[in-house]
Amino acid sequence: MAQAVLAKTVLRLVFEKGMDEKGKPVFKAKTFTNVKKDATTDQLHQAAQALASLCNDPLNSIERNDSNEIIG
């Protein structure tokens, strides 16, 4: 039977950079690799808030992207 094994976790912060000429928001993302695979949602949220406080642009969203390896 095949199994999914967590291979890596990536934290992605999306910032609002401003507005375009049509008045729609422009976003810019910053990706952090080498995140501990066993980090909890609360830990990642705290880390993202701390990192966002060092930036000039407002934080729009926080994303966790897990990659799994399928072994069989």
C-alpha atoms as a PDB file:
ATOM      1  CA  MET A   1       0.000   0.000   0.000  1.00  0.00           C
ATOM      2  CA  ALA A   2       1.324   3.446  -0.906  1.00  0.00           C
ATOM      3  CA  GLN A   3       2.060   6.052   1.738  1.00  0.00           C
ATOM      4  CA  ALA A   4       2.476   9.817   1.660  1.00  0.00           C
ATOM      5  CA  VAL A   5       5.509  11.084   3.570  1.00  0.00           C
ATOM      6  CA  LEU A   6       5.869  14.798   4.278  1.00  0.00           C
ATOM      7  CA  ALA A   7       8.921  15.920   2.278  1.00  0.00           C
ATOM      8  CA  LYS A   8       9.029  19.681   2.929  1.00  0.00           C
ATOM      9  CA  THR A   9       7.054  22.638   4.236  1.00  0.00           C
ATOM     10  CA  VAL A  10       7.146  26.146   2.757  1.00  0.00           C
ATOM     11  CA  LEU A  11       5.779  29.315   4.354  1.00  0.00           C
ATOM     12  CA  ARG A  12       4.494  31.964   1.926  1.00  0.00           C
ATOM     13  CA  LEU A  13       3.596  35.507   2.967  1.00  0.00           C
ATOM     14  CA  VAL A  14       1.559  37.612   0.548  1.00  0.00           C
ATOM     15  CA  PHE A  15       1.823  41.391   0.880  1.00  0.00           C
ATOM     16  CA  GLU A  16      -0.316  44.111  -0.696  1.00  0.00           C
ATOM     17  CA  LYS A  17       2.027  46.428  -2.614  1.00  0.00           C
ATOM     18  CA  GLY A  18      -0.584  48.993  -3.639  1.00  0.00           C
ATOM     19  CA  MET A  19      -3.036  49.505  -6.465  1.00  0.00           C
ATOM     20  CA  ASP A  20      -2.658  49.271 -10.216  1.00  0.00           C
ATOM     21  CA  GLU A  21      -3.991  51.824 -12.688  1.00  0.00           C
ATOM     22  CA  LYS A  22      -7.423  50.123 -12.647  1.00  0.00           C
ATOM     23  CA  GLY A  23      -7.685  50.302  -8.866  1.00  0.00           C
ATOM     24  CA  LYS A  24      -7.075  46.596  -8.302  1.00  0.00           C
ATOM     25  CA  PRO A  25      -4.679  45.518  -5.552  1.00  0.00           C
ATOM     26  CA  VAL A  26      -1.165  44.407  -6.488  1.00  0.00           C
ATOM     27  CA  PHE A  27       0.322  41.573  -4.439  1.00  0.00           C
ATOM     28  CA  LYS A  28       3.884  40.408  -3.853  1.00  0.00           C
ATOM     29  CA  ALA A  29       4.795  37.121  -2.183  1.00  0.00           C
ATOM     30  CA  LYS A  30       7.815  36.161  -0.116  1.00  0.00           C
ATOM     31  CA  THR A  31       8.547  32.450   0.298  1.00  0.00           C
ATOM     32  CA  PHE A  32      10.475  30.906   3.180  1.00  0.00           C
ATOM     33  CA  THR A  33      11.876  27.403   2.715  1.00  0.00           C
ATOM     34  CA  ASN A  34      13.476  25.072   5.273  1.00  0.00           C
ATOM     35  CA  VAL A  35      10.492  25.423   7.593  1.00  0.00           C
ATOM     36  CA  LYS A  36      10.265  22.741  10.265  1.00  0.00           C
ATOM     37  CA  LYS A  37       7.864  20.092   9.010  1.00  0.00           C
ATOM     38  CA  ASP A  38       6.337  19.641  12.455  1.00  0.00           C
ATOM     39  CA  ALA A  39       5.640  23.365  12.989  1.00  0.00           C
ATOM     40  CA  THR A  40       2.098  23.972  14.185  1.00  0.00           C
ATOM     41  CA  THR A  41      -0.339  26.386  12.585  1.00  0.00           C
ATOM     42  CA  ASP A  42      -0.033  28.714  15.576  1.00  0.00           C
ATOM     43  CA  GLN A  43       3.775  28.689  15.371  1.00  0.00           C
ATOM     44  CA  LEU A  44       3.718  29.522  11.675  1.00  0.00           C
ATOM     45  CA  HIS A  45       1.178  32.285  12.264  1.00  0.00           C
ATOM     46  CA  GLN A  46       3.346  33.827  15.004  1.00  0.00           C
ATOM     47  CA  ALA A  47       6.448  33.624  12.798  1.00  0.00           C
ATOM     48  CA  ALA A  48       4.592  35.193   9.866  1.00  0.00           C
ATOM     49  CA  GLN A  49       3.279  38.041  12.023  1.00  0.00           C
ATOM     50  CA  ALA A  50       6.787  38.696  13.374  1.00  0.00           C
ATOM     51  CA  LEU A  51       8.260  38.748   9.864  1.00  0.00           C
ATOM     52  CA  ALA A  52       5.450  40.952   8.547  1.00  0.00           C
ATOM     53  CA  SER A  53       6.073  43.490  11.306  1.00  0.00           C
ATOM     54  CA  LEU A  54       9.519  44.066   9.771  1.00  0.00           C
ATOM     55  CA  CYS A  55       8.045  44.907   6.365  1.00  0.00           C
ATOM     56  CA  ASN A  56       6.565  48.147   5.072  1.00  0.00           C
ATOM     57  CA  ASP A  57       3.680  46.585   3.149  1.00  0.00           C
ATOM     58  CA  PRO A  58       0.561  45.190   4.857  1.00  0.00           C
ATOM     59  CA  LEU A  59       0.296  41.419   5.138  1.00  0.00           C
ATOM     60  CA  ASN A  60      -2.596  40.068   3.074  1.00  0.00           C
ATOM     61  CA  SER A  61      -2.365  36.324   3.650  1.00  0.00           C
ATOM     62  CA  ILE A  62      -0.272  33.521   5.100  1.00  0.00           C
ATOM     63  CA  GLU A  63       0.038  30.210   3.258  1.00  0.00           C
ATOM     64  CA  ARG A  64       1.528  26.872   4.246  1.00  0.00           C
ATOM     65  CA  ASN A  65       2.491  24.600   1.372  1.00  0.00           C
ATOM     66  CA  ASP A  66       3.353  21.008   2.239  1.00  0.00           C
ATOM     67  CA  SER A  67       4.917  18.668  -0.307  1.00  0.00           C
ATOM     68  CA  ASN A  68       4.510  14.943   0.115  1.00  0.00           C
ATOM     69  CA  GLU A  69       6.478  12.096  -1.376  1.00  0.00           C
ATOM     70  CA  ILE A  70       4.467   9.048  -2.360  1.00  0.00           C
ATOM     71  CA  ILE A  71       6.251   5.808  -1.598  1.00  0.00           C
ATOM     72  CA  GLY A  72       4.952   2.374  -2.222  1.00  0.00           C
END
